[in-house]
């Protein structure tokens, strides 16, 4: 192997290790909060780290950043988590117990799809913008609506990840959460950059 190949292999191995480490932290800190109270702050902490990586800050102290974010955002993120859990419960009831005519089911499914896509933007918006609780959900919805390309990229990434995890289910233990967060955050970050460019262009005119 030449030096270039060795450097590429080292970089790949390093990033595989980083994503596995963050995934283990996410699972561990979720369990620390007995899952229900731990998963939201652990998810915020995971997205915070992955966002920094995407923005080029790859040398952050991972555990320290994760732990500090987990503590700082514990209460607020759990409020967000409760709303997400309620919405997920409503969607579950709608899909499994409410029987409607086909003509009503189609718009209902579209609404449910829009809600699910909005929820995928929640944690990236949470860690990227300093917004109020209400603005978090409102901004996530509007960013999702005006950035279909990012949403499509997200869905394609999820489909690819699903097939990989289906054939290699053991990988989900080490990469299921972190790779999903990476797909979501990278897709959303492109949307955030587009919004920022439009804002700068509007201010310049």
C-alpha atoms as a PDB file:
ATOM      1  CA  UNK A   1       0.000   0.000   0.000  1.00  0.00           C
ATOM      2  CA  UNK A   2       1.235   3.481  -0.786  1.00  0.00           C
ATOM      3  CA  UNK A   3       1.203   6.317   1.737  1.00  0.00           C
ATOM      4  CA  UNK A   4      -1.958   7.880   0.275  1.00  0.00           C
ATOM      5  CA  UNK A   5      -3.880   4.617   0.655  1.00  0.00           C
ATOM      6  CA  UNK A   6      -2.633   4.174   4.233  1.00  0.00           C
ATOM      7  CA  UNK A   7      -3.721   7.713   5.136  1.00  0.00           C
ATOM      8  CA  UNK A   8      -7.148   7.102   3.621  1.00  0.00           C
ATOM      9  CA  UNK A   9      -7.530   3.813   5.504  1.00  0.00           C
ATOM     10  CA  UNK A  10      -6.461   5.472   8.755  1.00  0.00           C
ATOM     11  CA  UNK A  11      -8.958   8.297   8.283  1.00  0.00           C
ATOM     12  CA  UNK A  12     -11.761   5.847   7.504  1.00  0.00           C
ATOM     13  CA  UNK A  13     -10.931   3.743  10.566  1.00  0.00           C
ATOM     14  CA  UNK A  14     -10.802   6.855  12.730  1.00  0.00           C
ATOM     15  CA  UNK A  15     -14.276   8.000  11.646  1.00  0.00           C
ATOM     16  CA  UNK A  16     -15.729   4.510  12.058  1.00  0.00           C
ATOM     17  CA  UNK A  17     -14.383   4.499  15.615  1.00  0.00           C
ATOM     18  CA  UNK A  18     -15.778   7.969  16.305  1.00  0.00           C
ATOM     19  CA  UNK A  19     -19.286   7.089  15.141  1.00  0.00           C
ATOM     20  CA  UNK A  20     -19.217   3.823  17.094  1.00  0.00           C
ATOM     21  CA  UNK A  21     -18.081   5.679  20.224  1.00  0.00           C
ATOM     22  CA  UNK A  22     -20.831   8.295  19.933  1.00  0.00           C
ATOM     23  CA  UNK A  23     -23.409   5.563  19.354  1.00  0.00           C
ATOM     24  CA  UNK A  24     -22.289   3.753  22.515  1.00  0.00           C
ATOM     25  CA  UNK A  25     -22.461   7.033  24.460  1.00  0.00           C
ATOM     26  CA  UNK A  26     -25.958   7.633  23.080  1.00  0.00           C
ATOM     27  CA  UNK A  27     -27.151   4.197  24.214  1.00  0.00           C
ATOM     28  CA  UNK A  28     -25.400   4.464  27.582  1.00  0.00           C
ATOM     29  CA  UNK A  29     -26.713   7.922  28.449  1.00  0.00           C
ATOM     30  CA  UNK A  30     -30.187   6.983  27.244  1.00  0.00           C
ATOM     31  CA  UNK A  31     -30.120   4.101  29.726  1.00  0.00           C
ATOM     32  CA  UNK A  32     -28.764   6.458  32.380  1.00  0.00           C
ATOM     33  CA  UNK A  33     -32.019   8.380  32.142  1.00  0.00           C
ATOM     34  CA  UNK A  34     -34.064   5.153  32.166  1.00  0.00           C
ATOM     35  CA  UNK A  35     -34.610   5.516  28.400  1.00  0.00           C
ATOM     36  CA  UNK A  36     -37.719   7.722  28.618  1.00  0.00           C
ATOM     37  CA  UNK A  37     -35.915  10.596  30.366  1.00  0.00           C
ATOM     38  CA  UNK A  38     -32.507   9.860  28.873  1.00  0.00           C
ATOM     39  CA  UNK A  39     -33.058   9.410  25.165  1.00  0.00           C
ATOM     40  CA  UNK A  40     -33.875  13.053  24.342  1.00  0.00           C
ATOM     41  CA  UNK A  41     -30.878  14.676  26.085  1.00  0.00           C
ATOM     42  CA  UNK A  42     -28.639  11.888  24.758  1.00  0.00           C
ATOM     43  CA  UNK A  43     -29.943  12.529  21.242  1.00  0.00           C
ATOM     44  CA  UNK A  44     -29.353  16.275  21.580  1.00  0.00           C
ATOM     45  CA  UNK A  45     -25.805  15.559  22.766  1.00  0.00           C
ATOM     46  CA  UNK A  46     -25.199  13.198  19.832  1.00  0.00           C
ATOM     47  CA  UNK A  47     -26.498  15.727  17.298  1.00  0.00           C
ATOM     48  CA  UNK A  48     -24.380  18.456  18.920  1.00  0.00           C
ATOM     49  CA  UNK A  49     -21.210  16.435  18.366  1.00  0.00           C
ATOM     50  CA  UNK A  50     -22.087  15.361  14.826  1.00  0.00           C
ATOM     51  CA  UNK A  51     -22.977  18.955  13.911  1.00  0.00           C
ATOM     52  CA  UNK A  52     -19.542  20.097  15.101  1.00  0.00           C
ATOM     53  CA  UNK A  53     -17.901  17.350  13.038  1.00  0.00           C
ATOM     54  CA  UNK A  54     -19.831  18.376   9.927  1.00  0.00           C
ATOM     55  CA  UNK A  55     -18.810  22.003  10.475  1.00  0.00           C
ATOM     56  CA  UNK A  56     -15.148  20.950  10.565  1.00  0.00           C
ATOM     57  CA  UNK A  57     -14.527  20.845  14.310  1.00  0.00           C
ATOM     58  CA  UNK A  58     -13.331  17.247  14.398  1.00  0.00           C
ATOM     59  CA  UNK A  59     -11.019  17.594  17.403  1.00  0.00           C
ATOM     60  CA  UNK A  60     -13.627  18.306  20.070  1.00  0.00           C
ATOM     61  CA  UNK A  61     -13.420  16.299  23.331  1.00  0.00           C
ATOM     62  CA  UNK A  62     -16.266  13.893  22.598  1.00  0.00           C
ATOM     63  CA  UNK A  63     -17.092  12.607  26.077  1.00  0.00           C
ATOM     64  CA  UNK A  64     -16.798  16.003  27.746  1.00  0.00           C
ATOM     65  CA  UNK A  65     -18.953  17.658  25.068  1.00  0.00           C
ATOM     66  CA  UNK A  66     -21.521  14.852  25.257  1.00  0.00           C
ATOM     67  CA  UNK A  67     -21.744  14.934  29.054  1.00  0.00           C
ATOM     68  CA  UNK A  68     -21.919  18.736  29.315  1.00  0.00           C
ATOM     69  CA  UNK A  69     -24.644  18.926  26.656  1.00  0.00           C
ATOM     70  CA  UNK A  70     -26.563  16.077  28.276  1.00  0.00           C
ATOM     71  CA  UNK A  71     -26.625  17.893  31.629  1.00  0.00           C
ATOM     72  CA  UNK A  72     -27.333  21.341  30.203  1.00  0.00           C
ATOM     73  CA  UNK A  73     -30.182  20.277  27.928  1.00  0.00           C
ATOM     74  CA  UNK A  74     -31.719  17.590  30.150  1.00  0.00           C
ATOM     75  CA  UNK A  75     -34.919  19.406  31.122  1.00  0.00           C
ATOM     76  CA  UNK A  76     -35.580  21.311  27.877  1.00  0.00           C
ATOM     77  CA  UNK A  77     -34.855  18.319  25.651  1.00  0.00           C
ATOM     78  CA  UNK A  78     -37.193  16.150  27.701  1.00  0.00           C
ATOM     79  CA  UNK A  79     -39.951  18.681  27.064  1.00  0.00           C
ATOM     80  CA  UNK A  80     -39.302  18.259  23.351  1.00  0.00           C
ATOM     81  CA  UNK A  81     -39.180  14.499  23.774  1.00  0.00           C
ATOM     82  CA  UNK A  82     -42.583  14.447  25.475  1.00  0.00           C
ATOM     83  CA  UNK A  83     -44.151  16.367  22.572  1.00  0.00           C
ATOM     84  CA  UNK A  84     -42.523  13.996  20.061  1.00  0.00           C
ATOM     85  CA  UNK A  85     -43.763  10.976  22.042  1.00  0.00           C
ATOM     86  CA  UNK A  86     -47.317  12.383  22.075  1.00  0.00           C
ATOM     87  CA  UNK A  87     -47.221  12.996  18.322  1.00  0.00           C
ATOM     88  CA  UNK A  88     -45.853   9.490  17.743  1.00  0.00           C
ATOM     89  CA  UNK A  89     -48.672   8.059  19.884  1.00  0.00           C
ATOM     90  CA  UNK A  90     -51.306  10.009  17.927  1.00  0.00           C
ATOM     91  CA  UNK A  91     -49.833   8.757  14.635  1.00  0.00           C
ATOM     92  CA  UNK A  92     -49.828   5.187  15.965  1.00  0.00           C
ATOM     93  CA  UNK A  93     -53.506   5.461  16.970  1.00  0.00           C
ATOM     94  CA  UNK A  94     -54.435   6.980  13.602  1.00  0.00           C
ATOM     95  CA  UNK A  95     -52.683   4.252  11.627  1.00  0.00           C
ATOM     96  CA  UNK A  96     -53.808   1.281  13.677  1.00  0.00           C
ATOM     97  CA  UNK A  97     -57.218   1.997  15.143  1.00  0.00           C
ATOM     98  CA  UNK A  98     -59.013   4.716  13.221  1.00  0.00           C
ATOM     99  CA  UNK A  99     -60.806   3.375  10.145  1.00  0.00           C
ATOM    100  CA  UNK A 100     -61.623   6.041   7.581  1.00  0.00           C
ATOM    101  CA  UNK A 101     -62.825   6.155   3.990  1.00  0.00           C
ATOM    102  CA  UNK A 102     -60.091   6.072   1.381  1.00  0.00           C
ATOM    103  CA  UNK A 103     -60.843   9.645   0.327  1.00  0.00           C
ATOM    104  CA  UNK A 104     -60.085  10.776   3.892  1.00  0.00           C
ATOM    105  CA  UNK A 105     -57.120   8.439   4.396  1.00  0.00           C
ATOM    106  CA  UNK A 106     -55.036  10.035   1.627  1.00  0.00           C
ATOM    107  CA  UNK A 107     -54.865  13.549   3.145  1.00  0.00           C
ATOM    108  CA  UNK A 108     -54.430  11.960   6.588  1.00  0.00           C
ATOM    109  CA  UNK A 109     -51.402  10.009   5.363  1.00  0.00           C
ATOM    110  CA  UNK A 110     -49.971  13.180   3.814  1.00  0.00           C
ATOM    111  CA  UNK A 111     -50.380  15.003   7.118  1.00  0.00           C
ATOM    112  CA  UNK A 112     -48.736  12.130   9.003  1.00  0.00           C
ATOM    113  CA  UNK A 113     -45.854  12.085   6.507  1.00  0.00           C
ATOM    114  CA  UNK A 114     -45.379  15.853   6.954  1.00  0.00           C
ATOM    115  CA  UNK A 115     -45.351  15.446  10.746  1.00  0.00           C
ATOM    116  CA  UNK A 116     -42.772  12.646  10.579  1.00  0.00           C
ATOM    117  CA  UNK A 117     -40.528  14.654   8.250  1.00  0.00           C
ATOM    118  CA  UNK A 118     -40.866  17.694  10.521  1.00  0.00           C
ATOM    119  CA  UNK A 119     -39.805  15.609  13.512  1.00  0.00           C
ATOM    120  CA  UNK A 120     -36.653  14.558  11.647  1.00  0.00           C
ATOM    121  CA  UNK A 121     -35.671  18.242  11.533  1.00  0.00           C
ATOM    122  CA  UNK A 122     -36.344  18.854  15.237  1.00  0.00           C
ATOM    123  CA  UNK A 123     -32.983  17.870  16.712  1.00  0.00           C
ATOM    124  CA  UNK A 124     -30.844  19.491  13.970  1.00  0.00           C
ATOM    125  CA  UNK A 125     -32.782  22.748  14.430  1.00  0.00           C
ATOM    126  CA  UNK A 126     -32.482  22.330  18.212  1.00  0.00           C
ATOM    127  CA  UNK A 127     -28.678  22.181  18.133  1.00  0.00           C
ATOM    128  CA  UNK A 128     -28.138  24.673  15.288  1.00  0.00           C
ATOM    129  CA  UNK A 129     -30.424  27.550  16.224  1.00  0.00           C
ATOM    130  CA  UNK A 130     -31.143  29.311  19.491  1.00  0.00           C
ATOM    131  CA  UNK A 131     -34.943  29.344  19.326  1.00  0.00           C
ATOM    132  CA  UNK A 132     -37.870  29.083  21.717  1.00  0.00           C
ATOM    133  CA  UNK A 133     -39.823  25.884  22.293  1.00  0.00           C
ATOM    134  CA  UNK A 134     -42.628  26.921  19.925  1.00  0.00           C
ATOM    135  CA  UNK A 135     -40.224  28.251  17.284  1.00  0.00           C
ATOM    136  CA  UNK A 136     -38.398  24.921  17.326  1.00  0.00           C
ATOM    137  CA  UNK A 137     -41.414  23.088  15.917  1.00  0.00           C
ATOM    138  CA  UNK A 138     -42.515  25.943  13.670  1.00  0.00           C
ATOM    139  CA  UNK A 139     -39.058  26.429  12.148  1.00  0.00           C
ATOM    140  CA  UNK A 140     -38.585  22.687  11.677  1.00  0.00           C
ATOM    141  CA  UNK A 141     -41.826  22.533   9.711  1.00  0.00           C
ATOM    142  CA  UNK A 142     -41.032  25.502   7.474  1.00  0.00           C
ATOM    143  CA  UNK A 143     -37.436  24.406   6.837  1.00  0.00           C
ATOM    144  CA  UNK A 144     -38.722  20.965   5.877  1.00  0.00           C
ATOM    145  CA  UNK A 145     -41.323  22.462   3.534  1.00  0.00           C
ATOM    146  CA  UNK A 146     -38.948  24.751   1.630  1.00  0.00           C
ATOM    147  CA  UNK A 147     -36.097  22.238   1.325  1.00  0.00           C
ATOM    148  CA  UNK A 148     -37.440  19.143  -0.447  1.00  0.00           C
ATOM    149  CA  UNK A 149     -33.965  18.222  -1.736  1.00  0.00           C
ATOM    150  CA  UNK A 150     -32.646  17.852   1.810  1.00  0.00           C
ATOM    151  CA  UNK A 151     -35.660  15.742   2.745  1.00  0.00           C
ATOM    152  CA  UNK A 152     -35.169  13.494  -0.294  1.00  0.00           C
ATOM    153  CA  UNK A 153     -31.470  13.086   0.552  1.00  0.00           C
ATOM    154  CA  UNK A 154     -32.485  12.138   4.080  1.00  0.00           C
ATOM    155  CA  UNK A 155     -34.929   9.503   2.865  1.00  0.00           C
ATOM    156  CA  UNK A 156     -32.416   8.032   0.400  1.00  0.00           C
ATOM    157  CA  UNK A 157     -29.844   7.830   3.180  1.00  0.00           C
ATOM    158  CA  UNK A 158     -32.319   6.075   5.456  1.00  0.00           C
ATOM    159  CA  UNK A 159     -33.227   3.530   2.768  1.00  0.00           C
ATOM    160  CA  UNK A 160     -29.547   2.749   2.152  1.00  0.00           C
ATOM    161  CA  UNK A 161     -28.876   2.465   5.885  1.00  0.00           C
ATOM    162  CA  UNK A 162     -31.921   0.234   6.340  1.00  0.00           C
ATOM    163  CA  UNK A 163     -30.682  -2.298   3.799  1.00  0.00           C
ATOM    164  CA  UNK A 164     -27.182  -2.305   5.274  1.00  0.00           C
ATOM    165  CA  UNK A 165     -28.550  -2.870   8.794  1.00  0.00           C
ATOM    166  CA  UNK A 166     -30.960  -5.515   7.488  1.00  0.00           C
ATOM    167  CA  UNK A 167     -28.133  -7.624   6.095  1.00  0.00           C
ATOM    168  CA  UNK A 168     -25.744  -6.803   8.970  1.00  0.00           C
ATOM    169  CA  UNK A 169     -28.039  -6.301  11.992  1.00  0.00           C
ATOM    170  CA  UNK A 170     -25.159  -6.409  14.486  1.00  0.00           C
ATOM    171  CA  UNK A 171     -23.972  -3.064  13.090  1.00  0.00           C
ATOM    172  CA  UNK A 172     -27.064  -1.344  14.504  1.00  0.00           C
ATOM    173  CA  UNK A 173     -25.639  -1.743  18.021  1.00  0.00           C
ATOM    174  CA  UNK A 174     -22.566   0.284  17.106  1.00  0.00           C
ATOM    175  CA  UNK A 175     -23.837   2.568  14.354  1.00  0.00           C
ATOM    176  CA  UNK A 176     -27.657   2.575  14.237  1.00  0.00           C
ATOM    177  CA  UNK A 177     -28.163   5.830  16.117  1.00  0.00           C
ATOM    178  CA  UNK A 178     -25.031   7.740  15.145  1.00  0.00           C
ATOM    179  CA  UNK A 179     -25.252   7.003  11.408  1.00  0.00           C
ATOM    180  CA  UNK A 180     -28.943   7.913  11.390  1.00  0.00           C
ATOM    181  CA  UNK A 181     -28.063  11.175  13.138  1.00  0.00           C
ATOM    182  CA  UNK A 182     -25.252  11.736  10.642  1.00  0.00           C
ATOM    183  CA  UNK A 183     -27.628  11.325   7.701  1.00  0.00           C
ATOM    184  CA  UNK A 184     -30.205  13.651   9.255  1.00  0.00           C
ATOM    185  CA  UNK A 185     -27.719  16.297  10.389  1.00  0.00           C
ATOM    186  CA  UNK A 186     -25.764  16.421   7.123  1.00  0.00           C
ATOM    187  CA  UNK A 187     -28.981  16.730   5.085  1.00  0.00           C
ATOM    188  CA  UNK A 188     -30.341  19.434   7.387  1.00  0.00           C
ATOM    189  CA  UNK A 189     -27.046  21.312   7.429  1.00  0.00           C
ATOM    190  CA  UNK A 190     -27.279  21.718   3.659  1.00  0.00           C
ATOM    191  CA  UNK A 191     -30.736  23.221   4.171  1.00  0.00           C
ATOM    192  CA  UNK A 192     -29.400  25.541   6.875  1.00  0.00           C
ATOM    193  CA  UNK A 193     -26.622  26.727   4.556  1.00  0.00           C
ATOM    194  CA  UNK A 194     -29.112  27.461   1.778  1.00  0.00           C
ATOM    195  CA  UNK A 195     -31.239  29.483   4.182  1.00  0.00           C
ATOM    196  CA  UNK A 196     -28.202  31.413   5.392  1.00  0.00           C
ATOM    197  CA  UNK A 197     -27.119  32.215   1.815  1.00  0.00           C
ATOM    198  CA  UNK A 198     -30.610  33.469   0.988  1.00  0.00           C
ATOM    199  CA  UNK A 199     -30.616  35.614   4.115  1.00  0.00           C
ATOM    200  CA  UNK A 200     -27.207  37.117   3.293  1.00  0.00           C
ATOM    201  CA  UNK A 201     -28.332  37.776  -0.287  1.00  0.00           C
ATOM    202  CA  UNK A 202     -31.499  39.488   0.929  1.00  0.00           C
ATOM    203  CA  UNK A 203     -29.517  41.659   3.353  1.00  0.00           C
ATOM    204  CA  UNK A 204     -27.069  42.645   0.598  1.00  0.00           C
ATOM    205  CA  UNK A 205     -29.836  43.937  -1.690  1.00  0.00           C
END
